[in-house]
Amino acid sequence: MSAVNNILAVFKGEKDFSDAIMDTVKDGGTAAATGYVMSGGLTVVAQSLSKSSGR
């Protein structure tokens, strides 16, 4: 989604191409980090629930 928004901003003249690339890379890194943290948290919850149901 970020890439599309940034490309549109370049075509409209609202952003330079290099700024659009940097913003897209930054947004991608943020999304990857968020996904990693969420995945780790869900794994911990799933493991905790599976251990508690086995008692």
PDB file of N, CA and C in Angstrom:
ATOM      1  N   MET A   1       0.826  -1.184   0.000  1.00  0.00           N
ATOM      2  CA  MET A   1       0.000   0.000   0.000  1.00  0.00           C
ATOM      3  C   MET A   1       0.877   1.258   0.000  1.00  0.00           C
ATOM      4  N   SER A   2       1.940   1.225   0.763  1.00  0.00           N
ATOM      5  CA  SER A   2       2.844   2.369   0.837  1.00  0.00           C
ATOM      6  C   SER A   2       3.467   2.671  -0.523  1.00  0.00           C
ATOM      7  N   ALA A   3       3.841   1.615  -1.233  1.00  0.00           N
ATOM      8  CA  ALA A   3       4.461   1.807  -2.546  1.00  0.00           C
ATOM      9  C   ALA A   3       3.490   2.489  -3.503  1.00  0.00           C
ATOM     10  N   VAL A   4       2.253   2.062  -3.499  1.00  0.00           N
ATOM     11  CA  VAL A   4       1.243   2.655  -4.383  1.00  0.00           C
ATOM     12  C   VAL A   4       1.044   4.128  -4.036  1.00  0.00           C
ATOM     13  N   ASN A   5       0.899   4.411  -2.755  1.00  0.00           N
ATOM     14  CA  ASN A   5       0.712   5.804  -2.332  1.00  0.00           C
ATOM     15  C   ASN A   5       1.902   6.668  -2.721  1.00  0.00           C
ATOM     16  N   ASN A   6       3.109   6.135  -2.565  1.00  0.00           N
ATOM     17  CA  ASN A   6       4.299   6.905  -2.901  1.00  0.00           C
ATOM     18  C   ASN A   6       4.437   7.111  -4.409  1.00  0.00           C
ATOM     19  N   ILE A   7       4.087   6.111  -5.196  1.00  0.00           N
ATOM     20  CA  ILE A   7       4.141   6.267  -6.658  1.00  0.00           C
ATOM     21  C   ILE A   7       3.143   7.329  -7.109  1.00  0.00           C
ATOM     22  N   LEU A   8       1.946   7.281  -6.540  1.00  0.00           N
ATOM     23  CA  LEU A   8       0.955   8.297  -6.881  1.00  0.00           C
ATOM     24  C   LEU A   8       1.433   9.697  -6.494  1.00  0.00           C
ATOM     25  N   ALA A   9       2.077   9.811  -5.341  1.00  0.00           N
ATOM     26  CA  ALA A   9       2.603  11.114  -4.910  1.00  0.00           C
ATOM     27  C   ALA A   9       3.666  11.620  -5.871  1.00  0.00           C
ATOM     28  N   VAL A  10       4.494  10.719  -6.408  1.00  0.00           N
ATOM     29  CA  VAL A  10       5.517  11.119  -7.390  1.00  0.00           C
ATOM     30  C   VAL A  10       4.838  11.621  -8.659  1.00  0.00           C
ATOM     31  N   PHE A  11       3.840  10.883  -9.153  1.00  0.00           N
ATOM     32  CA  PHE A  11       3.143  11.288 -10.371  1.00  0.00           C
ATOM     33  C   PHE A  11       2.417  12.616 -10.209  1.00  0.00           C
ATOM     34  N   LYS A  12       1.914  12.881  -9.016  1.00  0.00           N
ATOM     35  CA  LYS A  12       1.217  14.144  -8.760  1.00  0.00           C
ATOM     36  C   LYS A  12       2.184  15.294  -8.506  1.00  0.00           C
ATOM     37  N   GLY A  13       3.473  14.983  -8.365  1.00  0.00           N
ATOM     38  CA  GLY A  13       4.464  16.016  -8.099  1.00  0.00           C
ATOM     39  C   GLY A  13       4.550  16.408  -6.642  1.00  0.00           C
ATOM     40  N   GLU A  14       3.959  15.618  -5.767  1.00  0.00           N
ATOM     41  CA  GLU A  14       3.971  15.924  -4.338  1.00  0.00           C
ATOM     42  C   GLU A  14       5.244  15.447  -3.652  1.00  0.00           C
ATOM     43  N   LYS A  15       5.987  14.539  -4.314  1.00  0.00           N
ATOM     44  CA  LYS A  15       7.160  13.926  -3.704  1.00  0.00           C
ATOM     45  C   LYS A  15       8.197  13.652  -4.778  1.00  0.00           C
ATOM     46  N   ASP A  16       9.478  13.777  -4.404  1.00  0.00           N
ATOM     47  CA  ASP A  16      10.560  13.374  -5.308  1.00  0.00           C
ATOM     48  C   ASP A  16      10.648  11.859  -5.336  1.00  0.00           C
ATOM     49  N   PHE A  17      11.192  11.320  -6.438  1.00  0.00           N
ATOM     50  CA  PHE A  17      11.314   9.869  -6.578  1.00  0.00           C
ATOM     51  C   PHE A  17      12.157   9.275  -5.455  1.00  0.00           C
ATOM     52  N   SER A  18      13.279   9.916  -5.123  1.00  0.00           N
ATOM     53  CA  SER A  18      14.162   9.379  -4.074  1.00  0.00           C
ATOM     54  C   SER A  18      13.478   9.393  -2.711  1.00  0.00           C
ATOM     55  N   ASP A  19      12.685  10.429  -2.433  1.00  0.00           N
ATOM     56  CA  ASP A  19      11.935  10.473  -1.170  1.00  0.00           C
ATOM     57  C   ASP A  19      10.893   9.360  -1.121  1.00  0.00           C
ATOM     58  N   ALA A  20      10.259   9.103  -2.250  1.00  0.00           N
ATOM     59  CA  ALA A  20       9.248   8.047  -2.311  1.00  0.00           C
ATOM     60  C   ALA A  20       9.880   6.684  -2.056  1.00  0.00           C
ATOM     61  N   ILE A  21      11.052   6.454  -2.625  1.00  0.00           N
ATOM     62  CA  ILE A  21      11.750   5.180  -2.415  1.00  0.00           C
ATOM     63  C   ILE A  21      12.118   5.023  -0.944  1.00  0.00           C
ATOM     64  N   MET A  22      12.676   6.062  -0.360  1.00  0.00           N
ATOM     65  CA  MET A  22      13.076   5.986   1.050  1.00  0.00           C
ATOM     66  C   MET A  22      11.872   5.757   1.960  1.00  0.00           C
ATOM     67  N   ASP A  23      10.764   6.429   1.685  1.00  0.00           N
ATOM     68  CA  ASP A  23       9.562   6.239   2.500  1.00  0.00           C
ATOM     69  C   ASP A  23       9.028   4.818   2.371  1.00  0.00           C
ATOM     70  N   THR A  24       9.072   4.263   1.159  1.00  0.00           N
ATOM     71  CA  THR A  24       8.600   2.899   0.939  1.00  0.00           C
ATOM     72  C   THR A  24       9.472   1.898   1.687  1.00  0.00           C
ATOM     73  N   VAL A  25      10.781   2.084   1.630  1.00  0.00           N
ATOM     74  CA  VAL A  25      11.705   1.190   2.339  1.00  0.00           C
ATOM     75  C   VAL A  25      11.486   1.287   3.849  1.00  0.00           C
ATOM     76  N   LYS A  26      11.327   2.502   4.345  1.00  0.00           N
ATOM     77  CA  LYS A  26      11.109   2.699   5.781  1.00  0.00           C
ATOM     78  C   LYS A  26       9.798   2.047   6.228  1.00  0.00           C
ATOM     79  N   ASP A  27       8.740   2.233   5.450  1.00  0.00           N
ATOM     80  CA  ASP A  27       7.454   1.624   5.794  1.00  0.00           C
ATOM     81  C   ASP A  27       7.531   0.102   5.746  1.00  0.00           C
ATOM     82  N   GLY A  28       8.263  -0.430   4.777  1.00  0.00           N
ATOM     83  CA  GLY A  28       8.435  -1.881   4.672  1.00  0.00           C
ATOM     84  C   GLY A  28       9.180  -2.448   5.866  1.00  0.00           C
ATOM     85  N   GLY A  29      10.204  -1.750   6.307  1.00  0.00           N
ATOM     86  CA  GLY A  29      10.961  -2.187   7.484  1.00  0.00           C
ATOM     87  C   GLY A  29      10.119  -2.155   8.740  1.00  0.00           C
ATOM     88  N   THR A  30       9.310  -1.133   8.869  1.00  0.00           N
ATOM     89  CA  THR A  30       8.422  -1.025  10.024  1.00  0.00           C
ATOM     90  C   THR A  30       7.399  -2.156  10.019  1.00  0.00           C
ATOM     91  N   ALA A  31       6.850  -2.449   8.858  1.00  0.00           N
ATOM     92  CA  ALA A  31       5.863  -3.526   8.749  1.00  0.00           C
ATOM     93  C   ALA A  31       6.495  -4.878   9.060  1.00  0.00           C
ATOM     94  N   ALA A  32       7.725  -5.086   8.597  1.00  0.00           N
ATOM     95  CA  ALA A  32       8.410  -6.358   8.867  1.00  0.00           C
ATOM     96  C   ALA A  32       8.685  -6.523  10.360  1.00  0.00           C
ATOM     97  N   ALA A  33       9.134  -5.464  11.004  1.00  0.00           N
ATOM     98  CA  ALA A  33       9.411  -5.526  12.436  1.00  0.00           C
ATOM     99  C   ALA A  33       8.132  -5.776  13.229  1.00  0.00           C
ATOM    100  N   THR A  34       7.053  -5.115  12.850  1.00  0.00           N
ATOM    101  CA  THR A  34       5.776  -5.312  13.531  1.00  0.00           C
ATOM    102  C   THR A  34       5.296  -6.752  13.360  1.00  0.00           C
ATOM    103  N   GLY A  35       5.409  -7.283  12.159  1.00  0.00           N
ATOM    104  CA  GLY A  35       5.013  -8.666  11.901  1.00  0.00           C
ATOM    105  C   GLY A  35       5.826  -9.652  12.711  1.00  0.00           C
ATOM    106  N   TYR A  36       7.121  -9.393  12.832  1.00  0.00           N
ATOM    107  CA  TYR A  36       8.000 -10.270  13.596  1.00  0.00           C
ATOM    108  C   TYR A  36       7.599 -10.291  15.070  1.00  0.00           C
ATOM    109  N   VAL A  37       7.350  -9.124  15.624  1.00  0.00           N
ATOM    110  CA  VAL A  37       6.967  -9.017  17.044  1.00  0.00           C
ATOM    111  C   VAL A  37       5.611  -9.671  17.278  1.00  0.00           C
ATOM    112  N   MET A  38       4.659  -9.417  16.388  1.00  0.00           N
ATOM    113  CA  MET A  38       3.327 -10.016  16.538  1.00  0.00           C
ATOM    114  C   MET A  38       3.397 -11.533  16.432  1.00  0.00           C
ATOM    115  N   SER A  39       4.185 -12.033  15.518  1.00  0.00           N
ATOM    116  CA  SER A  39       4.327 -13.473  15.341  1.00  0.00           C
ATOM    117  C   SER A  39       4.930 -14.113  16.590  1.00  0.00           C
ATOM    118  N   GLY A  40       5.950 -13.490  17.126  1.00  0.00           N
ATOM    119  CA  GLY A  40       6.568 -14.001  18.348  1.00  0.00           C
ATOM    120  C   GLY A  40       5.600 -14.003  19.513  1.00  0.00           C
ATOM    121  N   GLY A  41       4.827 -12.936  19.636  1.00  0.00           N
ATOM    122  CA  GLY A  41       3.845 -12.855  20.716  1.00  0.00           C
ATOM    123  C   GLY A  41       2.765 -13.913  20.586  1.00  0.00           C
ATOM    124  N   LEU A  42       2.298 -14.140  19.370  1.00  0.00           N
ATOM    125  CA  LEU A  42       1.272 -15.162  19.159  1.00  0.00           C
ATOM    126  C   LEU A  42       1.809 -16.564  19.424  1.00  0.00           C
ATOM    127  N   THR A  43       3.075 -16.787  19.110  1.00  0.00           N
ATOM    128  CA  THR A  43       3.686 -18.085  19.396  1.00  0.00           C
ATOM    129  C   THR A  43       3.743 -18.338  20.896  1.00  0.00           C
ATOM    130  N   VAL A  44       4.121 -17.328  21.660  1.00  0.00           N
ATOM    131  CA  VAL A  44       4.178 -17.458  23.118  1.00  0.00           C
ATOM    132  C   VAL A  44       2.789 -17.749  23.683  1.00  0.00           C
ATOM    133  N   VAL A  45       1.782 -17.038  23.205  1.00  0.00           N
ATOM    134  CA  VAL A  45       0.414 -17.253  23.679  1.00  0.00           C
ATOM    135  C   VAL A  45      -0.052 -18.662  23.328  1.00  0.00           C
ATOM    136  N   ALA A  46       0.206 -19.088  22.102  1.00  0.00           N
ATOM    137  CA  ALA A  46      -0.220 -20.425  21.676  1.00  0.00           C
ATOM    138  C   ALA A  46       0.456 -21.511  22.511  1.00  0.00           C
ATOM    139  N   GLN A  47       1.735 -21.368  22.767  1.00  0.00           N
ATOM    140  CA  GLN A  47       2.456 -22.338  23.585  1.00  0.00           C
ATOM    141  C   GLN A  47       1.916 -22.359  25.015  1.00  0.00           C
ATOM    142  N   SER A  48       1.644 -21.183  25.556  1.00  0.00           N
ATOM    143  CA  SER A  48       1.115 -21.105  26.916  1.00  0.00           C
ATOM    144  C   SER A  48      -0.249 -21.770  27.012  1.00  0.00           C
ATOM    145  N   LEU A  49      -1.086 -21.550  26.023  1.00  0.00           N
ATOM    146  CA  LEU A  49      -2.423 -22.146  26.042  1.00  0.00           C
ATOM    147  C   LEU A  49      -2.362 -23.661  25.864  1.00  0.00           C
ATOM    148  N   SER A  50      -1.459 -24.130  25.019  1.00  0.00           N
ATOM    149  CA  SER A  50      -1.379 -25.577  24.804  1.00  0.00           C
ATOM    150  C   SER A  50      -0.849 -26.277  26.046  1.00  0.00           C
ATOM    151  N   LYS A  51       0.065 -25.647  26.775  1.00  0.00           N
ATOM    152  CA  LYS A  51       0.583 -26.240  28.009  1.00  0.00           C
ATOM    153  C   LYS A  51      -0.447 -26.229  29.110  1.00  0.00           C
ATOM    154  N   SER A  52      -1.244 -25.166  29.168  1.00  0.00           N
ATOM    155  CA  SER A  52      -2.238 -25.070  30.249  1.00  0.00           C
ATOM    156  C   SER A  52      -3.399 -26.042  30.019  1.00  0.00           C
ATOM    157  N   SER A  53      -3.705 -26.365  28.778  1.00  0.00           N
ATOM    158  CA  SER A  53      -4.817 -27.286  28.530  1.00  0.00           C
ATOM    159  C   SER A  53      -4.413 -28.738  28.763  1.00  0.00           C
ATOM    160  N   GLY A  54      -3.123 -29.012  28.859  1.00  0.00           N
ATOM    161  CA  GLY A  54      -2.650 -30.362  29.079  1.00  0.00           C
ATOM    162  C   GLY A  54      -2.580 -30.764  30.541  1.00  0.00           C
ATOM    163  N   ARG A  55      -2.928 -29.891  31.432  1.00  0.00           N
ATOM    164  CA  ARG A  55      -2.827 -30.188  32.866  1.00  0.00           C
ATOM    165  C   ARG A  55      -3.935 -31.057  33.337  1.00  0.00           C
TER     166      ARG A  55
END
